Protein backbone atom coordinates (compact mmCIF):
# COMPACT_ATOMS: atom_id res chain seq x y z
CA MET A 1 -69.26 -61.78 -35.75
CA SER A 2 -70.52 -64.65 -33.53
CA PHE A 3 -69.70 -66.37 -30.27
CA GLY A 4 -69.00 -69.65 -32.20
CA GLY A 5 -72.50 -71.18 -32.03
CA SER A 6 -76.17 -70.45 -32.48
CA ARG A 7 -78.61 -69.35 -29.83
CA ASP A 8 -80.05 -72.88 -29.91
CA GLY A 9 -76.68 -74.39 -29.35
CA GLY A 10 -76.99 -73.56 -25.66
CA ILE A 11 -74.16 -71.10 -25.40
CA PRO A 12 -74.99 -68.85 -22.48
CA PRO A 13 -74.36 -65.16 -22.56
CA PRO A 14 -70.94 -64.22 -21.33
CA ASP A 15 -70.89 -64.13 -17.55
CA ASP A 16 -67.68 -62.06 -17.23
CA ARG A 17 -69.38 -59.15 -18.85
CA LYS A 18 -67.32 -59.64 -21.97
CA LEU A 19 -69.09 -58.49 -25.07
CA LEU A 20 -67.61 -59.44 -28.39
CA LEU A 21 -68.45 -57.03 -31.13
CA ASP A 22 -67.90 -57.42 -34.81
CA TRP A 23 -64.76 -55.24 -34.74
CA MET A 24 -63.61 -54.74 -31.15
CA GLU A 25 -63.24 -56.34 -27.80
CA TRP A 26 -64.32 -54.34 -24.80
CA ARG A 27 -63.67 -54.83 -21.13
CA PRO A 28 -64.67 -52.59 -18.23
CA ALA A 29 -61.03 -52.40 -17.11
CA GLU A 30 -60.07 -50.90 -20.47
CA SER A 31 -62.74 -48.27 -20.51
CA ALA A 32 -61.94 -44.60 -20.87
CA PRO A 33 -60.72 -42.87 -17.75
CA ALA A 34 -63.37 -41.56 -15.51
CA GLN A 35 -64.11 -37.89 -16.00
CA PRO A 36 -63.67 -35.59 -13.03
CA GLU A 37 -66.81 -34.75 -11.26
CA ARG A 38 -68.27 -31.29 -11.60
CA ALA A 39 -70.28 -29.26 -9.22
CA GLU A 40 -72.91 -28.31 -11.81
CA PRO A 41 -75.85 -30.66 -12.54
CA PRO A 42 -75.40 -33.06 -15.44
CA ALA A 43 -76.73 -32.40 -18.86
CA PRO A 44 -80.02 -34.13 -19.75
CA ASP A 45 -78.24 -36.80 -21.76
CA VAL A 46 -75.65 -37.62 -19.09
CA PRO A 47 -76.45 -40.46 -16.69
CA THR A 48 -76.25 -39.84 -12.99
CA GLU A 49 -73.48 -41.03 -10.66
CA SER A 50 -75.48 -44.00 -9.42
CA PHE A 51 -76.33 -45.58 -12.75
CA VAL A 52 -74.56 -45.82 -16.06
CA ALA A 53 -76.06 -47.75 -18.90
CA GLU A 54 -73.66 -49.39 -21.27
CA THR A 55 -75.28 -50.20 -24.57
CA ALA A 56 -73.90 -52.19 -27.36
CA THR A 57 -75.49 -53.59 -30.44
CA THR A 58 -74.53 -56.87 -31.93
CA ARG A 59 -75.90 -59.27 -34.45
CA PHE A 60 -75.95 -62.90 -33.62
CA ALA A 61 -75.74 -65.45 -36.30
CA ASN A 62 -79.39 -66.46 -36.00
CA ASP A 63 -80.90 -63.05 -35.35
CA ALA A 64 -82.81 -61.32 -38.03
CA GLU A 65 -82.59 -57.98 -36.35
CA PRO A 66 -79.85 -56.48 -34.36
CA THR A 67 -80.09 -57.21 -30.71
CA GLN A 68 -79.58 -54.45 -28.16
CA ARG A 69 -78.05 -55.48 -24.88
CA ILE A 70 -77.60 -53.16 -21.96
CA PHE A 71 -75.24 -53.98 -19.14
CA VAL A 72 -75.19 -52.08 -15.88
CA SER A 73 -71.83 -51.24 -14.50
CA GLY A 74 -70.66 -49.40 -11.44
CA PRO A 75 -71.25 -45.69 -11.05
CA THR A 76 -67.69 -44.83 -12.02
CA GLN A 77 -68.01 -45.98 -15.66
CA ARG A 78 -69.51 -43.55 -18.10
CA ILE A 79 -69.65 -45.12 -21.53
CA PHE A 80 -72.51 -44.13 -23.81
CA VAL A 81 -73.28 -45.92 -27.05
CA PRO A 82 -76.29 -44.53 -28.96
CA LYS A 83 -78.75 -46.97 -30.47
CA PRO A 84 -77.84 -47.43 -34.12
CA THR A 85 -80.21 -47.40 -36.97
CA PRO A 86 -80.58 -50.66 -38.86
CA SER A 87 -77.90 -50.97 -41.37
CA THR A 88 -76.41 -53.67 -43.42
CA SER A 89 -72.96 -52.35 -42.87
CA ALA A 90 -70.78 -53.14 -39.94
CA PRO A 91 -71.95 -51.52 -36.76
CA LYS A 92 -70.21 -48.40 -35.60
CA VAL A 93 -69.37 -47.40 -32.11
CA THR A 94 -69.62 -43.69 -31.36
CA PRO A 95 -67.07 -42.41 -28.87
CA PRO A 96 -68.47 -41.05 -25.64
CA THR A 97 -69.61 -37.52 -25.86
CA GLN A 98 -67.92 -35.12 -23.39
CA PRO A 99 -70.21 -32.83 -21.49
CA THR A 100 -70.45 -29.33 -22.85
CA PRO A 101 -68.65 -26.98 -20.49
CA MET A 102 -70.81 -24.44 -18.77
CA VAL A 103 -69.60 -21.15 -20.05
CA GLY A 104 -71.59 -19.26 -17.51
CA ALA A 105 -69.58 -20.72 -14.67
CA TRP A 106 -66.33 -19.03 -15.65
CA ALA A 107 -67.54 -16.27 -17.99
CA PRO A 108 -67.28 -13.52 -15.31
CA TYR A 109 -63.62 -14.37 -14.80
CA GLY A 110 -62.49 -14.98 -18.34
CA GLU A 111 -61.58 -18.16 -20.10
CA PRO A 112 -59.41 -20.52 -18.01
CA SER A 113 -55.76 -20.36 -18.87
CA THR A 114 -53.66 -23.33 -19.73
CA TYR A 115 -50.77 -23.99 -17.32
CA PRO A 116 -47.65 -25.54 -18.72
CA PRO A 117 -46.84 -28.94 -17.35
CA PRO A 118 -44.19 -28.99 -14.59
CA ALA A 119 -40.66 -29.75 -15.59
CA PRO A 120 -39.81 -33.38 -15.05
CA PRO A 121 -37.45 -34.10 -12.17
CA PRO A 122 -33.90 -35.05 -13.08
CA TRP A 123 -33.40 -38.71 -13.54
CA PRO A 124 -31.30 -40.53 -10.99
CA GLY A 125 -27.61 -40.06 -11.52
CA ALA A 126 -28.07 -36.91 -13.65
CA PRO A 127 -24.87 -34.79 -13.55
CA GLY A 128 -25.06 -31.58 -11.51
CA PRO A 129 -23.66 -28.18 -12.55
CA ARG A 130 -19.97 -28.17 -13.24
CA ARG A 131 -17.63 -26.51 -10.75
CA ALA A 132 -16.20 -24.38 -13.53
CA ASP A 133 -19.69 -22.89 -13.98
CA ARG A 134 -19.73 -21.82 -10.32
CA PHE A 135 -16.23 -20.30 -10.30
CA PRO A 136 -17.19 -16.87 -11.78
CA ILE A 137 -20.00 -16.63 -9.25
CA LEU A 138 -17.65 -17.32 -6.33
CA VAL A 139 -15.11 -14.79 -7.58
CA GLY A 140 -17.79 -12.15 -8.01
CA ALA A 141 -19.11 -12.76 -4.51
CA ALA A 142 -15.60 -12.45 -3.03
CA VAL A 143 -15.01 -9.15 -4.83
CA VAL A 144 -18.31 -7.78 -3.53
CA VAL A 145 -17.44 -8.77 0.04
CA ILE A 146 -13.99 -7.11 -0.18
CA LEU A 147 -15.45 -3.90 -1.60
CA LEU A 148 -18.07 -3.79 1.13
CA ALA A 149 -15.38 -4.28 3.80
CA ILE A 150 -13.23 -1.47 2.37
CA GLY A 151 -16.21 0.82 2.16
CA ALA A 152 -17.21 0.09 5.75
CA ALA A 153 -13.67 0.72 7.02
CA THR A 154 -13.43 4.00 5.10
CA TRP A 155 -16.74 5.15 6.50
CA ALA A 156 -15.74 4.21 10.05
CA LEU A 157 -12.41 6.07 9.84
CA THR A 158 -13.77 9.20 8.16
CA ILE A 159 -17.27 9.90 9.42
CA GLY A 160 -18.01 6.89 11.56
CA PRO A 161 -17.21 6.02 15.18
CA LEU A 162 -13.45 5.67 14.50
CA LYS A 163 -12.94 9.09 12.95
CA ASP A 164 -11.32 10.39 16.17
CA TRP A 165 -9.21 7.27 16.72
CA GLY A 166 -5.90 8.97 15.78
CA SER A 167 -6.84 12.07 17.76
CA SER A 168 -7.58 9.98 20.81
CA ASP A 169 -4.05 8.57 20.74
CA SER A 170 -2.67 12.05 20.37
CA ASN A 171 -4.69 13.19 23.34
CA VAL A 172 -3.16 10.48 25.46
CA ALA A 173 0.33 11.53 24.39
CA GLY A 174 -0.45 15.24 24.66
CA GLY A 175 -2.31 15.13 27.94
CA GLY A 176 -5.34 16.89 26.49
CA SER A 177 -8.92 16.66 27.70
CA GLY A 178 -9.94 14.34 24.91
CA SER A 179 -10.90 17.05 22.41
CA GLY A 180 -7.73 16.57 20.35
CA THR A 181 -6.33 20.00 21.23
CA VAL A 182 -4.10 21.73 23.76
CA THR A 183 -5.12 25.11 25.09
CA ALA A 184 -3.21 28.01 26.61
CA CYS A 185 -2.48 27.69 30.31
CA ALA A 186 -2.30 30.62 32.73
CA THR A 187 0.84 29.13 34.32
CA PRO A 188 4.08 29.00 32.28
CA PRO A 189 5.38 25.53 31.40
CA THR A 190 8.05 23.72 33.38
CA MET A 191 11.35 23.27 31.52
CA THR A 192 13.74 20.64 32.83
CA PRO A 193 17.34 20.81 31.45
CA ARG A 194 18.51 17.64 29.72
CA SER A 195 21.78 18.61 28.04
CA VAL A 196 24.04 21.59 27.25
CA SER A 197 26.48 21.67 24.37
CA LEU A 198 28.45 24.07 22.24
CA THR A 199 27.52 24.23 18.57
CA PRO A 200 28.71 26.43 15.69
CA SER A 201 25.57 28.50 16.23
CA GLY A 202 26.07 28.95 19.97
CA LEU A 203 25.21 27.29 23.25
CA ALA A 204 22.46 24.71 22.81
CA VAL A 205 20.33 23.96 25.85
CA THR A 206 17.85 21.11 25.48
CA VAL A 207 14.94 21.01 27.92
CA THR A 208 11.82 18.90 28.35
CA ALA A 209 8.76 21.12 28.59
CA THR A 210 5.51 20.14 30.29
CA SER A 211 2.50 22.16 31.34
CA PRO A 212 0.99 22.05 34.82
CA CYS A 213 -2.45 22.26 33.18
CA ALA A 214 -4.22 19.06 32.17
CA ASP A 215 -5.04 20.54 28.76
CA GLY A 216 -1.41 21.45 28.07
CA ASP A 217 -0.22 24.87 27.00
CA VAL A 218 0.47 26.98 23.93
CA LEU A 219 3.59 29.12 23.66
CA SER A 220 2.51 31.97 21.41
CA ASN A 221 3.72 35.00 23.34
CA SER A 222 5.59 37.64 21.39
CA ALA A 223 8.16 38.09 24.18
CA THR A 224 8.85 34.99 26.24
CA GLN A 225 11.88 35.62 28.44
CA VAL A 226 13.97 32.53 29.21
CA ALA A 227 16.97 32.34 31.58
CA VAL A 228 19.22 29.31 32.13
CA SER A 229 21.20 29.30 35.37
CA SER A 230 23.65 27.04 37.18
CA SER A 231 25.07 26.95 40.66
CA SER A 232 27.77 29.42 39.55
CA GLY A 233 25.38 31.93 38.03
CA LEU A 234 23.67 32.83 34.78
CA VAL A 235 24.48 30.55 31.86
CA ALA A 236 22.32 31.92 29.04
CA SER A 237 19.29 34.09 28.50
CA GLY A 238 17.20 35.53 25.70
CA SER A 239 13.74 36.67 24.63
CA PHE A 240 11.82 34.38 22.28
CA ASP A 241 9.04 35.43 19.92
CA PHE A 242 6.56 32.56 19.48
CA SER A 243 3.77 34.66 17.97
CA SER A 244 4.39 33.53 14.39
CA THR A 245 5.38 29.95 15.22
CA PRO A 246 3.48 28.90 18.36
CA ILE A 247 4.53 25.73 20.17
CA ALA A 248 2.15 23.22 21.70
CA ILE A 249 3.16 21.89 25.12
CA PRO A 250 1.71 18.62 26.48
CA GLY A 251 -0.13 18.55 29.75
CA ALA A 252 0.73 17.29 33.19
CA GLY A 253 1.46 13.61 33.61
CA THR A 254 2.97 13.18 30.14
CA ALA A 255 6.50 12.61 28.88
CA GLY A 256 6.67 16.25 27.78
CA ARG A 257 8.14 17.79 24.66
CA ASP A 258 11.84 18.38 23.96
CA ILE A 259 12.77 21.94 23.03
CA THR A 260 16.33 22.90 22.07
CA MET A 261 17.12 26.58 22.64
CA THR A 262 20.30 27.76 20.94
CA PHE A 263 21.77 30.95 22.39
CA PRO A 264 24.18 32.75 20.02
CA SER A 265 27.40 34.52 21.04
CA GLY A 266 26.67 37.37 23.41
CA SER A 267 23.62 35.66 24.89
CA TYR A 268 25.35 32.83 26.73
CA PHE A 269 27.71 33.46 29.62
CA GLY A 270 28.72 29.99 30.63
CA LEU A 271 30.19 26.88 29.12
CA PRO A 272 28.98 23.29 29.17
CA GLY A 273 29.95 21.44 32.28
CA PRO A 274 30.13 17.70 32.89
CA GLY A 275 26.39 17.59 33.41
CA VAL A 276 23.25 19.57 34.09
CA VAL A 277 23.09 19.01 37.82
CA GLY A 278 22.15 22.25 39.52
CA MET A 279 20.86 23.88 36.35
CA SER A 280 17.42 25.47 36.10
CA VAL A 281 15.31 27.29 33.50
CA SER A 282 12.87 30.12 34.14
CA VAL A 283 10.10 31.14 31.69
CA ASP A 284 8.31 34.49 31.81
CA PRO A 285 5.92 35.49 28.97
CA VAL A 286 5.66 39.28 29.00
CA GLY A 287 4.39 39.98 25.48
CA THR A 288 1.09 39.25 23.76
CA ALA A 289 -0.27 35.78 23.13
CA THR A 290 -1.67 35.17 19.65
CA THR A 291 -2.91 31.56 19.80
CA GLN A 292 -5.07 29.88 22.38
CA GLU A 293 -5.40 26.41 20.90
CA LEU A 294 -3.36 23.95 18.86
CA PRO A 295 -3.82 20.31 17.78
CA ALA A 296 -2.60 17.88 20.40
CA ALA A 297 -0.85 15.91 17.66
CA SER A 298 1.67 18.75 17.30
CA ALA A 299 2.70 18.61 20.95
CA SER A 300 5.12 15.69 20.75
CA ALA A 301 7.82 16.21 18.10
CA PRO A 302 11.09 17.90 19.20
CA VAL A 303 11.50 21.52 18.17
CA SER A 304 14.44 23.98 18.01
CA VAL A 305 14.23 27.72 18.62
CA SER A 306 16.55 30.71 19.01
CA PRO A 307 16.00 34.01 20.84
CA SER A 308 14.90 36.97 18.76
CA GLN A 309 16.23 39.59 21.22
CA THR A 310 18.77 39.80 23.99
CA TYR A 311 17.52 39.56 27.48
CA VAL A 312 19.38 39.76 30.77
CA PRO A 313 17.54 39.20 34.05
CA ALA A 314 17.35 42.29 36.18
CA GLY A 315 20.22 42.64 38.66
CA THR A 316 22.53 40.30 36.76
CA ASP A 317 26.17 41.28 36.08
CA THR A 318 26.89 39.50 32.82
CA ASP A 319 30.65 40.20 32.97
CA GLN A 320 30.86 38.67 36.39
CA ALA A 321 28.85 35.75 35.13
CA VAL A 322 31.35 35.26 32.30
CA VAL A 323 34.31 35.40 34.67
CA GLN A 324 32.71 32.83 36.92
CA SER A 325 32.15 30.61 33.90
CA LEU A 326 35.76 30.95 32.76
CA ARG A 327 37.00 30.10 36.21
CA ALA A 328 34.74 27.08 36.42
CA GLN A 329 35.95 25.87 33.03
CA ALA A 330 39.63 26.37 33.94
CA ALA A 331 39.18 24.47 37.21
CA ALA A 332 37.51 21.54 35.49
CA ASP A 333 40.18 21.38 32.77
CA ARG A 334 43.02 21.51 35.29
CA THR A 335 41.63 18.43 36.99
CA GLU A 336 41.41 16.67 33.65
CA ILE A 337 44.96 17.57 32.60
CA LEU A 338 46.52 16.49 35.86
CA ALA A 339 44.77 13.16 35.56
CA SER A 340 45.63 12.33 31.94
CA SER A 341 47.99 14.68 30.11
CA ASN A 342 50.35 16.38 32.55
CA ASN A 343 53.88 17.00 31.22
CA THR A 344 52.89 16.64 27.56
CA TRP A 345 53.15 18.84 24.50
CA VAL A 346 50.09 20.61 23.12
CA ALA A 347 49.33 23.37 20.65
CA GLN A 348 48.62 26.71 22.32
CA LEU A 349 45.89 28.56 20.33
CA SER A 350 45.32 31.75 22.30
CA SER A 351 46.32 33.78 25.36
CA LYS A 352 44.08 36.75 26.23
CA GLN A 353 43.21 38.98 29.10
CA PRO A 354 40.59 41.70 29.44
CA GLY A 355 41.72 45.04 27.88
CA LEU A 356 44.21 43.42 25.48
CA VAL A 357 44.19 45.15 22.11
CA ALA A 358 44.75 42.57 19.39
CA ASP A 359 43.24 41.61 16.10
CA GLY A 360 41.63 44.99 15.84
CA LYS A 361 39.71 45.10 19.11
CA ALA A 362 39.98 45.44 22.87
CA TRP A 363 39.20 42.09 24.31
CA THR A 364 36.62 41.51 27.02
CA ASN A 365 35.83 38.50 29.11
CA GLN A 366 32.89 37.84 26.85
CA ASP A 367 35.17 37.88 23.79
CA ILE A 368 37.52 35.44 25.47
CA LEU A 369 34.65 33.12 26.26
CA ASP A 370 33.33 33.31 22.70
CA GLU A 371 36.77 32.61 21.22
CA PHE A 372 37.22 29.61 23.49
CA ALA A 373 33.81 28.28 22.46
CA SER A 374 34.66 28.77 18.78
CA ASN A 375 37.93 26.84 19.07
CA TYR A 376 36.17 24.18 21.09
CA GLN A 377 33.81 23.58 18.20
CA ARG A 378 36.46 23.76 15.51
CA PHE A 379 38.86 21.26 17.02
CA SER A 380 36.41 18.96 18.78
CA GLY A 381 37.40 20.05 22.22
CA THR A 382 39.82 22.53 23.75
CA ARG A 383 40.96 23.28 27.30
CA LEU A 384 41.15 26.53 29.21
CA LEU A 385 44.01 27.37 31.57
CA TRP A 386 44.45 30.20 34.06
CA SER A 387 48.12 31.07 33.74
CA ASP A 388 48.47 31.59 37.49
CA ASP A 389 47.83 27.85 38.04
CA TRP A 390 50.74 26.63 35.85
CA PRO A 391 54.43 27.38 36.45
CA VAL A 392 55.30 27.03 32.78
CA PHE A 393 53.87 30.55 32.17
CA SER A 394 55.95 33.54 33.08
CA SER A 395 53.03 36.00 33.23
CA SER A 396 49.92 35.91 35.36
CA GLY A 397 46.38 36.93 34.67
CA TRP A 398 46.01 35.31 31.27
CA TRP A 399 43.36 33.01 29.93
CA VAL A 400 45.14 30.41 27.77
CA THR A 401 43.43 28.11 25.27
CA ILE A 402 45.18 24.83 24.34
CA THR A 403 44.22 21.77 22.31
CA SER A 404 43.01 18.63 24.02
CA GLN A 405 45.13 16.75 21.47
CA THR A 406 48.68 16.05 22.63
CA PHE A 407 51.90 15.68 20.58
CA PRO A 408 55.18 13.81 21.08
CA SER A 409 57.28 16.99 20.77
CA GLY A 410 57.10 20.74 20.40
CA GLN A 411 58.08 20.47 16.73
CA ALA A 412 55.23 18.08 16.06
CA ALA A 413 52.91 20.58 17.68
CA VAL A 414 53.98 23.51 15.47
CA SER A 415 53.81 21.31 12.40
CA TRP A 416 50.17 20.74 13.24
CA CYS A 417 49.74 24.54 13.64
CA ALA A 418 51.04 25.05 10.12
CA GLN A 419 48.68 22.42 8.78
CA GLN A 420 45.74 24.28 10.29
CA GLY A 421 46.78 27.57 8.65
CA PHE A 422 47.99 29.38 11.76
CA ASP A 423 50.97 31.76 11.88
CA ARG A 424 53.48 32.07 14.73
CA ASP A 425 51.39 34.75 16.47
CA HIS A 426 48.34 32.50 16.78
CA CYS A 427 49.70 29.00 17.42
CA ILE A 428 52.80 27.66 19.23
CA GLY A 429 53.99 24.40 20.74
CA LYS A 430 53.74 24.37 24.57
CA LEU A 431 54.69 21.87 27.23
CA ILE A 432 52.06 21.74 29.98
CA SER A 433 53.46 20.70 33.32
CA SER A 434 52.55 21.32 36.91
CA THR A 435 56.24 21.09 37.95
CA SER A 436 58.34 22.58 35.14
CA GLY A 437 59.28 26.24 34.76
CA PRO A 438 58.93 28.40 31.63
CA ALA A 439 62.32 27.54 30.17
CA GLY A 440 62.29 25.11 27.29
CA THR A 441 58.52 24.78 27.25
CA THR A 442 57.79 26.87 24.14
CA VAL A 443 58.42 26.17 20.40
CA TYR A 444 57.52 28.67 17.67
CA LEU A 445 56.89 28.33 13.99
CA PRO A 446 59.83 29.46 11.78
């Protein structure tokens, strides 16, 4: 390969450091990449940083022997071409020899490992993950959050700081000290009458009970004596056994707890009046208490009880109490009749006086009261008359029970008696009048 002329032709050597070989064209800019520098000294056959000899052999057209030309380049180029032996064949260029690695430098630490190349960054506009791929993850995260919330709430309400939350509310309602219980009080509870009514089981007295103690009270005495009184005397009394079914009473400053005490026949001596004004209730536990503490939550719901034994307060004449009750009832009913049903027909159900022998017994004032109460319940209200107050009766000293229902005639009244199953000895038609005499005021069943 030649430059296009002979040496004598005056062609100067290339001044741009371009060397044309028989089979290649070489430029410094196209040289092999510079090798990274190493800390260890170079091998004997490796040029230093400051000088690199670039050797190439070429044969000019007029040369008899190959000519060796060495060009000096900058310190960053490391191209080594060994001097070839004379040959008639085309010259060969040996690739640069890489320095032999120094095994001793890394031998104590093992052979260097090969790191995989980093993943290429996504090209611009590459699609991101689909929303459908994220949906199961979102659902799973939501489920985990819900389960954690439920678990936290359960822990807080069972063993955590809110475990006494319900008890705290009960303590407020029950007037307890904050421990969730009511304890026995040395002072009996206060019972305020709310209503009195006749029931098939007896006289029902509803009271609101509260304890003077801040921690409430527990009724667990085996013999708690209760007496209900009015301005006219004793109304009802009895002894209650709370030992097997104790009752929790809320403390002072609360709404109290409603207790309905039903007194059966023989234990009540008065009848319900128009109200409870003037009524009072006394409580005296004389037995043995069995329970000192109850949950405050049980001190709010209404409860019903009945006496287990009869009890009459010392110095009380029960027969006199019954008479006073009968008189009070007759006086109240007279006022009612004169205001709304004077001179009308009614059905007369009974006429009794103490000592009367009828229906297999000698009647007492208590029996008369009980019979009146029974008829009162059966017919949704009856009225009691004292025969001395009404001129339509020919005899005095009789307690007469009549219906509150009125009828257009005496015959209509006895027809009603027959419908109720009465005979002529237990039900008649009677005209009640404050001005008429006995004549023509009575109709009997056939």
